[in-house]
N, C-alpha and C. Protein backbone atom coordinates (compact mmCIF):
# COMPACT_ATOMS: atom_id res chain seq x y z
N MET A 1 100.41 63.41 32.55
CA MET A 1 101.21 61.21 31.41
C MET A 1 103.05 61.78 31.81
N GLY A 2 103.52 61.08 31.75
CA GLY A 2 104.64 60.91 32.60
C GLY A 2 105.69 61.26 31.09
N GLY A 3 106.99 61.42 30.46
CA GLY A 3 108.06 61.84 29.36
C GLY A 3 106.74 61.92 28.27
N THR A 4 106.50 63.00 28.63
CA THR A 4 105.80 63.81 27.42
C THR A 4 106.74 65.53 26.89
N ARG A 5 107.71 64.89 27.65
CA ARG A 5 108.22 66.18 26.39
C ARG A 5 109.61 64.83 25.63
N ALA A 6 109.89 63.87 26.46
CA ALA A 6 110.27 63.22 24.70
C ALA A 6 110.00 62.53 24.54
N ALA A 7 108.34 62.57 25.35
CA ALA A 7 107.58 62.14 23.74
C ALA A 7 107.08 62.76 22.91
N LEU A 8 107.67 63.36 22.89
CA LEU A 8 106.82 64.37 21.94
C LEU A 8 108.29 64.53 21.56
N ARG A 9 109.75 64.02 21.46
CA ARG A 9 110.38 64.74 20.83
C ARG A 9 110.79 63.09 19.35
N TYR A 10 110.19 62.21 19.72
CA TYR A 10 110.31 60.49 19.42
C TYR A 10 109.53 61.24 18.18
N ALA A 11 107.91 61.81 18.74
CA ALA A 11 107.34 61.76 17.54
C ALA A 11 107.83 62.89 16.61
N LYS A 12 108.36 64.56 16.59
CA LYS A 12 108.37 65.06 15.66
C LYS A 12 109.88 64.05 15.54
N ALA A 13 110.71 63.19 15.73
CA ALA A 13 111.86 62.94 14.61
C ALA A 13 110.69 61.65 14.02
N THR A 14 110.41 60.46 14.92
CA THR A 14 110.04 59.77 13.84
C THR A 14 108.40 60.74 12.21
N LEU A 15 108.08 61.30 12.77
CA LEU A 15 107.28 62.17 11.73
C LEU A 15 108.30 62.22 10.58
N PHE A 16 108.62 63.15 10.61
CA PHE A 16 109.95 63.26 9.78
C PHE A 16 110.83 62.37 9.03
N PHE A 17 110.74 61.34 9.86
CA PHE A 17 111.41 60.60 9.03
C PHE A 17 110.78 59.65 8.31
N ALA A 18 109.63 59.16 8.96
CA ALA A 18 108.10 58.92 7.84
C ALA A 18 108.23 59.89 7.08
N GLN A 19 108.05 61.07 7.54
CA GLN A 19 107.16 61.79 5.93
C GLN A 19 108.85 61.68 5.03
N GLU A 20 109.87 61.49 5.64
CA GLU A 20 111.51 61.35 4.18
C GLU A 20 111.15 59.79 3.01
N ALA A 21 110.17 58.98 4.12
CA ALA A 21 109.89 57.98 3.18
C ALA A 21 109.36 57.70 2.91
N LYS A 22 107.88 58.97 3.04
CA LYS A 22 106.76 58.83 2.65
C LYS A 22 106.15 57.68 2.80
N ALA A 23 105.96 57.86 4.67
CA ALA A 23 105.13 56.89 4.95
C ALA A 23 104.88 56.79 6.06
N SER A 24 104.55 58.69 6.26
CA SER A 24 103.62 59.03 7.54
C SER A 24 102.41 59.17 7.35
N GLU A 25 101.61 58.77 7.07
CA GLU A 25 99.91 58.16 6.70
C GLU A 25 99.99 56.75 7.69
N ALA A 26 100.95 56.18 6.31
CA ALA A 26 101.04 54.58 7.17
C ALA A 26 101.13 54.22 8.78
N VAL A 27 102.54 55.34 9.50
CA VAL A 27 102.67 55.34 10.85
C VAL A 27 101.80 56.08 12.05
N ALA A 28 101.00 57.06 10.71
CA ALA A 28 99.60 57.98 11.89
C ALA A 28 99.13 56.41 12.15
N LYS A 29 98.67 55.44 11.33
CA LYS A 29 97.19 54.53 11.14
C LYS A 29 98.33 53.80 12.03
N ASP A 30 99.66 53.33 12.54
CA ASP A 30 99.51 52.14 13.47
C ASP A 30 99.96 53.10 15.35
N MET A 31 100.03 53.75 14.73
CA MET A 31 100.41 55.09 15.76
C MET A 31 98.73 54.82 16.59
N ILE A 32 97.67 55.18 15.70
CA ILE A 32 96.54 54.69 15.85
C ILE A 32 96.28 53.34 16.73
N ALA A 33 96.72 53.31 15.86
CA ALA A 33 96.20 51.43 16.40
C ALA A 33 96.83 51.49 17.58
N LEU A 34 98.09 51.72 18.07
CA LEU A 34 98.78 51.45 19.36
C LEU A 34 97.90 52.41 20.11
N GLY A 35 97.52 52.96 19.75
CA GLY A 35 97.64 53.84 21.04
C GLY A 35 95.63 52.95 21.60
N VAL A 36 94.65 52.94 20.66
CA VAL A 36 93.64 52.02 20.93
C VAL A 36 94.30 50.95 21.53
N LEU A 37 95.78 50.31 21.44
CA LEU A 37 95.48 48.68 21.97
C LEU A 37 95.95 48.93 23.91
N MET A 38 96.90 50.29 23.27
CA MET A 38 96.96 50.67 24.94
C MET A 38 96.00 50.99 26.18
N GLN A 39 95.16 51.75 25.66
CA GLN A 39 93.77 52.22 26.33
C GLN A 39 93.14 50.75 26.62
N GLU A 40 93.04 50.52 25.87
CA GLU A 40 91.77 48.83 26.33
C GLU A 40 93.24 47.73 27.23
N ASN A 41 93.85 48.28 27.06
CA ASN A 41 95.17 47.12 27.29
C ASN A 41 95.82 47.33 28.86
N ASP A 42 95.81 47.86 29.90
CA ASP A 42 96.93 47.92 30.91
C ASP A 42 97.60 46.83 31.15
N GLU A 43 98.26 45.99 30.65
CA GLU A 43 98.95 45.35 31.49
C GLU A 43 99.50 45.26 30.25
N LEU A 44 99.75 45.73 29.37
CA LEU A 44 101.08 45.51 28.47
C LEU A 44 102.14 47.14 28.69
N GLN A 45 101.29 47.94 29.45
CA GLN A 45 101.78 49.16 29.93
C GLN A 45 102.73 48.84 30.58
N THR A 46 102.16 48.04 31.44
CA THR A 46 102.44 47.41 32.91
C THR A 46 103.82 46.92 32.82
N VAL A 47 103.34 46.17 31.02
CA VAL A 47 104.94 45.39 30.96
C VAL A 47 106.46 45.86 30.55
N LEU A 48 105.42 47.35 29.53
CA LEU A 48 106.82 48.02 29.05
C LEU A 48 107.30 48.50 29.95
N GLU A 49 106.55 49.49 31.33
CA GLU A 49 107.33 49.97 32.63
C GLU A 49 108.31 49.01 33.67
N ASN A 50 108.17 47.90 33.78
CA ASN A 50 108.49 46.79 34.40
C ASN A 50 109.67 46.61 34.01
N PRO A 51 110.78 47.54 35.39
CA PRO A 51 112.56 47.20 35.06
C PRO A 51 113.32 46.06 35.33
N ILE A 52 111.87 45.32 35.36
CA ILE A 52 112.67 43.48 36.08
C ILE A 52 112.76 42.93 34.81
N LEU A 53 111.84 42.75 33.70
CA LEU A 53 111.50 42.09 31.68
C LEU A 53 113.04 43.49 30.73
N PRO A 54 113.95 42.44 30.62
CA PRO A 54 115.40 42.66 29.46
C PRO A 54 114.04 43.67 28.73
N VAL A 55 114.59 44.43 28.06
CA VAL A 55 114.59 45.13 27.16
C VAL A 55 113.87 44.87 24.96
N ALA A 56 115.08 43.34 25.64
CA ALA A 56 114.85 43.05 23.75
C ALA A 56 113.43 42.28 23.61
N GLN A 57 112.94 41.92 25.43
CA GLN A 57 111.97 41.19 24.96
C GLN A 57 110.80 41.86 25.09
N LYS A 58 110.89 43.27 25.53
CA LYS A 58 109.51 44.07 25.79
C LYS A 58 109.23 44.72 24.29
N GLU A 59 110.05 44.45 23.78
CA GLU A 59 111.13 45.71 21.83
C GLU A 59 110.27 44.09 21.17
N SER A 60 110.57 42.58 21.77
CA SER A 60 109.85 41.90 20.45
C SER A 60 108.73 41.44 20.85
N ALA A 61 107.98 42.08 22.13
CA ALA A 61 105.98 40.78 22.57
C ALA A 61 105.85 42.47 21.42
N LEU A 62 106.09 43.68 21.60
CA LEU A 62 105.38 44.64 20.70
C LEU A 62 105.66 44.57 19.26
N LYS A 63 107.02 44.26 19.14
CA LYS A 63 107.07 43.57 17.52
C LYS A 63 106.01 42.81 17.04
N ALA A 64 105.55 41.63 17.89
CA ALA A 64 105.49 40.50 17.03
C ALA A 64 103.48 41.95 17.42
N ILE A 65 103.14 41.88 18.41
CA ILE A 65 101.62 42.22 18.62
C ILE A 65 101.92 43.16 17.88
N PHE A 66 102.25 44.34 16.09
CA PHE A 66 102.53 45.00 15.28
C PHE A 66 103.57 44.49 14.64
N SER A 67 103.19 43.57 14.62
CA SER A 67 103.62 42.73 12.96
C SER A 67 103.75 42.70 11.49
N GLY A 68 102.66 43.97 11.88
CA GLY A 68 102.26 43.98 10.00
C GLY A 68 102.03 45.07 9.85
N ALA A 69 102.85 46.32 11.01
CA ALA A 69 102.91 47.70 10.94
C ALA A 69 104.34 48.01 9.85
N CYS A 70 104.53 49.33 9.00
CA CYS A 70 105.41 49.62 8.61
C CYS A 70 106.55 49.55 8.67
N PRO A 71 107.84 49.38 7.66
CA PRO A 71 109.00 49.23 8.73
C PRO A 71 109.61 50.43 9.41
N GLU A 72 109.37 51.98 9.57
CA GLU A 72 109.30 53.17 9.79
C GLU A 72 108.57 53.33 11.68
N THR A 73 107.81 52.23 11.65
CA THR A 73 107.25 52.25 12.97
C THR A 73 107.62 51.14 13.76
N LEU A 74 108.68 49.75 13.43
CA LEU A 74 109.38 49.13 13.99
C LEU A 74 110.34 49.34 14.23
N LYS A 75 110.46 50.74 13.51
CA LYS A 75 111.95 51.06 13.12
C LYS A 75 111.59 52.66 14.98
N LEU A 76 111.13 52.87 15.23
CA LEU A 76 110.88 54.12 16.37
C LEU A 76 110.53 52.79 17.64
N PHE A 77 110.06 51.68 16.95
CA PHE A 77 109.81 50.61 18.82
C PHE A 77 111.30 50.74 19.06
N SER A 78 112.58 49.83 17.67
CA SER A 78 113.99 49.40 18.27
C SER A 78 114.49 51.18 18.40
N LEU A 79 114.57 52.44 18.79
CA LEU A 79 114.56 53.23 18.46
C LEU A 79 114.32 53.68 20.06
N LEU A 80 113.63 53.69 20.20
CA LEU A 80 112.59 53.24 21.40
C LEU A 80 113.36 52.20 22.73
N ALA A 81 113.87 51.35 22.52
CA ALA A 81 114.21 50.19 22.68
C ALA A 81 115.43 50.23 23.51
N GLU A 82 116.00 50.88 21.84
CA GLU A 82 117.59 51.14 22.25
C GLU A 82 118.24 52.36 23.35
N ASN A 83 116.92 53.24 24.03
CA ASN A 83 117.68 54.13 24.65
C ASN A 83 116.33 54.00 26.07
N ASN A 84 115.58 52.84 26.07
CA ASN A 84 115.55 52.24 26.84
C ASN A 84 114.29 52.83 27.60
N ARG A 85 112.92 53.70 26.23
CA ARG A 85 112.47 54.41 26.33
C ARG A 85 111.19 53.95 26.04
N LEU A 86 111.06 52.98 25.89
CA LEU A 86 109.69 51.99 25.18
C LEU A 86 108.68 51.99 26.37
N ALA A 87 108.71 52.42 27.75
CA ALA A 87 107.60 53.19 28.46
C ALA A 87 106.71 54.16 28.01
N ILE A 88 107.39 55.15 27.52
CA ILE A 88 106.58 55.81 27.02
C ILE A 88 106.02 55.76 25.51
N VAL A 89 106.44 54.88 24.86
CA VAL A 89 105.96 54.61 23.40
C VAL A 89 103.78 54.68 23.39
N ALA A 90 103.24 54.78 24.45
CA ALA A 90 101.60 55.51 23.70
C ALA A 90 101.63 57.41 23.54
N ALA A 91 102.96 57.76 25.02
CA ALA A 91 102.78 59.54 24.77
C ALA A 91 103.36 59.40 23.80
N THR A 92 103.84 58.87 22.85
CA THR A 92 104.59 59.35 21.32
C THR A 92 103.68 58.90 20.83
N ALA A 93 103.06 57.49 20.80
CA ALA A 93 102.18 57.18 19.48
C ALA A 93 101.00 58.48 19.52
N GLU A 94 100.84 59.12 20.78
CA GLU A 94 99.50 60.29 21.15
C GLU A 94 100.15 61.42 20.44
N GLN A 95 101.70 61.51 20.76
CA GLN A 95 101.98 63.12 20.42
C GLN A 95 102.03 62.83 18.57
N TYR A 96 102.64 61.41 18.27
CA TYR A 96 102.74 61.47 16.56
C TYR A 96 100.95 61.30 15.55
N VAL A 97 100.01 61.33 15.99
CA VAL A 97 98.48 62.00 15.62
C VAL A 97 98.46 62.37 16.03
N ARG A 98 98.47 63.71 16.83
CA ARG A 98 98.76 64.95 17.05
C ARG A 98 98.60 66.47 15.89
N LEU A 99 100.51 65.55 15.32
CA LEU A 99 101.27 66.18 14.76
C LEU A 99 100.84 65.03 13.75
N TYR A 100 100.72 64.52 13.09
CA TYR A 100 100.52 64.52 11.83
C TYR A 100 99.30 64.78 11.46
N ALA A 101 98.51 64.85 12.41
CA ALA A 101 97.06 65.85 12.24
C ALA A 101 97.40 67.22 11.75
N GLN A 102 98.16 67.96 12.62
CA GLN A 102 98.34 69.61 12.47
C GLN A 102 99.23 69.77 10.88
N THR A 103 99.98 68.46 10.45
CA THR A 103 100.99 68.78 9.27
C THR A 103 99.89 68.34 7.93
N GLN A 104 98.31 67.86 8.67
CA GLN A 104 97.41 67.52 7.80
C GLN A 104 96.39 69.19 7.75
N GLY A 105 96.98 70.25 8.57
CA GLY A 105 96.13 70.34 8.54
C GLY A 105 94.64 71.18 9.19
N GLU A 106 94.29 69.76 9.82
CA GLU A 106 94.18 69.32 11.44
C GLU A 106 94.12 70.21 12.42
N ILE A 107 93.15 70.45 13.46
CA ILE A 107 93.53 70.09 14.86
C ILE A 107 92.73 69.94 15.88
N GLN A 108 92.87 69.46 17.17
CA GLN A 108 92.18 69.29 18.01
C GLN A 108 91.60 70.00 18.91
N ALA A 109 90.42 69.93 19.34
CA ALA A 109 89.48 70.71 20.17
C ALA A 109 89.56 69.68 21.70
N GLU A 110 89.12 69.87 22.31
CA GLU A 110 89.08 69.32 23.73
C GLU A 110 88.12 69.45 24.21
N VAL A 111 86.68 68.83 24.24
CA VAL A 111 86.14 69.85 25.05
C VAL A 111 85.49 68.99 26.63
N THR A 112 85.80 69.04 27.55
CA THR A 112 85.32 68.00 28.77
C THR A 112 83.82 68.49 29.29
N THR A 113 83.62 67.83 29.39
CA THR A 113 81.82 68.50 29.76
C THR A 113 81.54 66.92 31.00
N ALA A 114 80.94 67.32 31.56
CA ALA A 114 80.36 66.95 33.68
C ALA A 114 79.94 65.29 33.09
N VAL A 115 79.31 64.97 31.56
CA VAL A 115 78.24 63.82 31.20
C VAL A 115 78.68 64.28 29.81
N PRO A 116 78.69 62.96 29.39
CA PRO A 116 79.04 62.68 27.37
C PRO A 116 77.46 63.41 26.44
N LEU A 117 78.34 63.70 25.20
CA LEU A 117 77.65 65.01 24.68
C LEU A 117 76.71 64.32 24.14
N SER A 118 75.30 64.71 24.06
CA SER A 118 74.29 64.44 22.69
C SER A 118 75.15 64.76 21.46
N PRO A 119 74.68 64.42 20.40
CA PRO A 119 75.66 63.89 18.73
C PRO A 119 74.38 65.69 18.50
N ALA A 120 73.61 65.86 19.20
CA ALA A 120 73.12 67.82 18.57
C ALA A 120 73.95 68.17 19.03
N LEU A 121 74.50 68.19 20.31
CA LEU A 121 75.22 69.36 21.39
C LEU A 121 76.88 69.10 20.84
N GLU A 122 76.85 68.04 21.09
CA GLU A 122 78.01 67.76 20.48
C GLU A 122 78.76 68.90 18.11
N LYS A 123 77.41 68.80 18.06
CA LYS A 123 77.53 69.25 16.71
C LYS A 123 77.66 70.74 16.56
N LEU A 124 77.11 70.88 17.90
CA LEU A 124 77.03 72.66 18.04
C LEU A 124 78.31 72.73 18.25
N VAL A 125 79.26 72.42 19.17
CA VAL A 125 80.39 72.32 19.85
C VAL A 125 81.44 73.28 18.92
N LEU A 126 80.76 72.06 17.75
CA LEU A 126 82.42 71.02 16.32
C LEU A 126 81.88 73.09 15.72
N GLU A 127 80.47 73.36 15.57
CA GLU A 127 80.50 74.37 14.75
C GLU A 127 81.31 75.27 15.14
N LYS A 128 81.13 75.98 16.37
CA LYS A 128 81.90 76.93 17.83
C LYS A 128 83.06 76.32 17.43
N ALA A 129 83.64 75.81 17.36
CA ALA A 129 85.13 75.32 17.45
C ALA A 129 85.64 75.55 15.74
N LYS A 130 84.94 75.19 14.87
CA LYS A 130 85.46 75.33 13.90
C LYS A 130 85.55 77.21 13.43
N GLY A 131 84.68 77.80 14.03
CA GLY A 131 84.47 78.88 14.03
C GLY A 131 85.78 79.92 14.95
N LEU A 132 86.57 78.88 16.07
CA LEU A 132 87.79 80.51 15.90
C LEU A 132 88.51 79.55 16.12
N THR A 133 89.15 78.68 14.57
CA THR A 133 90.14 78.30 13.76
C THR A 133 90.24 78.34 11.69
N LYS A 134 90.93 78.72 11.02
CA LYS A 134 90.60 78.10 9.40
C LYS A 134 91.06 76.03 9.79
N ASP A 135 91.47 75.95 10.44
CA ASP A 135 91.72 74.68 10.98
C ASP A 135 90.39 73.46 10.58
N LYS A 136 90.31 72.35 9.53
CA LYS A 136 89.88 71.14 10.36
C LYS A 136 89.86 71.33 12.09
N VAL A 137 88.93 70.65 12.05
CA VAL A 137 88.68 70.29 13.23
C VAL A 137 87.88 69.14 13.77
N GLN A 138 88.89 68.48 14.84
CA GLN A 138 88.38 67.09 15.14
C GLN A 138 88.33 67.42 16.69
N LEU A 139 86.95 66.92 17.42
CA LEU A 139 86.19 67.25 18.48
C LEU A 139 86.60 66.07 19.00
N VAL A 140 86.66 66.05 20.23
CA VAL A 140 86.98 65.23 21.15
C VAL A 140 86.80 65.05 22.47
N ASN A 141 85.65 64.51 23.27
CA ASN A 141 85.44 64.44 24.49
C ASN A 141 85.11 63.75 24.96
N LYS A 142 85.94 65.13 26.26
CA LYS A 142 86.33 64.14 27.41
C LYS A 142 85.42 64.41 28.54
N VAL A 143 84.82 63.80 29.61
CA VAL A 143 83.86 63.38 30.54
C VAL A 143 84.38 64.22 32.03
N ASP A 144 84.40 64.54 32.43
CA ASP A 144 85.01 64.91 34.44
C ASP A 144 84.11 65.36 35.25
N PRO A 145 83.93 64.76 35.58
CA PRO A 145 82.09 65.42 36.51
C PRO A 145 82.76 66.20 37.37
N ALA A 146 83.67 65.99 37.37
CA ALA A 146 84.55 66.83 38.76
C ALA A 146 84.08 68.57 38.39
N ILE A 147 83.74 69.18 37.42
CA ILE A 147 83.54 70.29 36.61
C ILE A 147 82.12 70.72 36.72
N ILE A 148 81.08 69.38 37.43
CA ILE A 148 79.76 69.84 37.67
C ILE A 148 78.70 70.53 36.31
N GLY A 149 78.74 70.90 36.08
CA GLY A 149 77.99 71.41 35.34
C GLY A 149 79.11 72.36 34.35
N GLY A 150 78.65 72.68 33.38
CA GLY A 150 78.91 73.93 31.99
C GLY A 150 80.41 72.62 30.68
N PHE A 151 81.27 73.92 30.58
CA PHE A 151 81.74 73.06 29.78
C PHE A 151 83.44 73.58 29.89
N ILE A 152 84.67 73.28 29.69
CA ILE A 152 86.06 72.93 29.13
C ILE A 152 86.55 72.73 27.44
N LEU A 153 86.37 74.22 26.75
CA LEU A 153 87.10 74.09 25.47
C LEU A 153 88.46 74.63 25.26
N GLN A 154 89.14 74.01 24.51
CA GLN A 154 90.39 73.51 24.61
C GLN A 154 90.83 73.92 23.64
N ILE A 155 91.44 74.33 22.99
CA ILE A 155 92.22 74.48 21.23
C ILE A 155 93.20 74.64 20.60
N GLY A 156 94.42 73.97 20.83
CA GLY A 156 95.96 74.17 20.69
C GLY A 156 95.22 74.66 21.97
N ASP A 157 96.67 76.13 21.95
CA ASP A 157 96.97 76.82 22.92
C ASP A 157 95.58 77.14 24.55
N THR A 158 94.66 78.30 23.65
CA THR A 158 93.86 78.57 23.73
C THR A 158 92.38 76.91 24.56
N GLN A 159 91.87 78.22 25.27
CA GLN A 159 91.31 77.54 27.22
C GLN A 159 90.65 78.92 27.45
N TYR A 160 88.65 78.19 26.61
CA TYR A 160 87.55 79.19 26.85
C TYR A 160 87.29 77.83 28.31
N ASP A 161 86.81 78.71 29.76
CA ASP A 161 86.83 77.35 30.80
C ASP A 161 85.20 78.00 31.49
N ALA A 162 84.38 77.41 31.20
CA ALA A 162 83.22 77.92 31.61
C ALA A 162 82.24 76.34 32.16
N SER A 163 83.10 76.36 32.78
CA SER A 163 82.77 75.29 34.15
C SER A 163 81.86 75.56 34.32
N ILE A 164 80.77 75.19 36.02
CA ILE A 164 80.24 75.57 37.47
C ILE A 164 81.00 75.67 37.83
N VAL A 165 82.53 74.72 38.92
CA VAL A 165 83.64 74.91 38.45
C VAL A 165 84.84 76.16 39.11
N HIS A 166 84.85 76.27 37.56
CA HIS A 166 85.35 77.97 37.23
C HIS A 166 84.37 79.30 37.95
N GLN A 167 83.44 78.50 37.44
CA GLN A 167 82.68 79.79 38.32
C GLN A 167 82.24 80.26 39.63
N LEU A 168 82.13 79.05 40.34
CA LEU A 168 82.25 79.04 41.94
C LEU A 168 83.22 79.72 42.88
N LYS A 169 84.57 78.97 42.00
CA LYS A 169 85.67 79.53 42.37
C LYS A 169 86.25 81.12 41.95
N ALA A 170 85.51 81.76 40.72
CA ALA A 170 85.62 83.47 40.70
C ALA A 170 84.73 83.99 41.88
N ILE A 171 83.49 83.65 42.00
CA ILE A 171 82.93 83.65 43.15
C ILE A 171 83.63 83.62 44.51
N LYS A 172 84.41 83.02 44.67
CA LYS A 172 84.49 82.65 45.95
C LYS A 172 86.36 83.24 46.06
N THR A 173 87.10 83.92 45.03
CA THR A 173 87.46 84.85 45.71
C THR A 173 87.40 86.52 44.88
N THR A 174 86.39 86.56 44.40
CA THR A 174 85.79 88.20 44.56
C THR A 174 85.34 87.98 45.97
N LEU A 175 85.01 86.93 46.50
CA LEU A 175 84.32 87.17 48.16
C LEU A 175 85.80 87.24 48.98
N THR A 176 86.50 86.63 49.23
CA THR A 176 87.51 86.71 49.85
C THR A 176 88.35 87.80 49.59
N LYS A 177 88.62 88.18 48.35
CA LYS A 177 89.06 89.96 48.63
C LYS A 177 88.36 91.15 49.21
N THR A 178 87.09 90.70 48.55
CA THR A 178 86.50 91.89 48.89
C THR A 178 85.64 91.55 50.15
N ASN A 179 86.18 91.17 51.11
CA ASN A 179 85.23 90.21 52.53
C ASN A 179 83.98 91.21 52.53
N THR A 180 83.03 91.20 51.56
CA THR A 180 81.78 90.92 51.28
C THR A 180 80.55 89.85 50.92
N ILE A 181 79.06 90.52 51.27
CA ILE A 181 78.67 89.49 50.15
C ILE A 181 77.93 90.54 50.05
């Protein structure tokens, strides 16, 4: 994701500003809606990244789409437009939601599997993730067929890789180092 460091900085500043204005929850709802919109609509991201379109036009388009957003969200759009950074608005929204969840005592656990998790398996993984942290856990399932099987669980900076690809790489490394079977 491009501009992640800058997006994190803008998200932190927005969270601080929203907390001062006692509007952090409202901004979080706006950021969640923005993230959903950006995932469903690739054309909007293309418009925001287009260097030919004037920044003022991009900003007015965002403000028109989010006309019911709280003033702090609209100020974020203005700040990003002022610094010609509207292309990272989706990354900023994602970072804001993550930071807001952390302030609420929640942490996001990301589990990557080759196929989508069944509800029963999702419940089991969620229980395991809750056992690894004292925070409230939100489970996000990402599907990546390239891992072949197993799963990769990431909670914060900690990652547990039980994927088939990881195991195959470990076997390959062992075989190439020892040069025997």
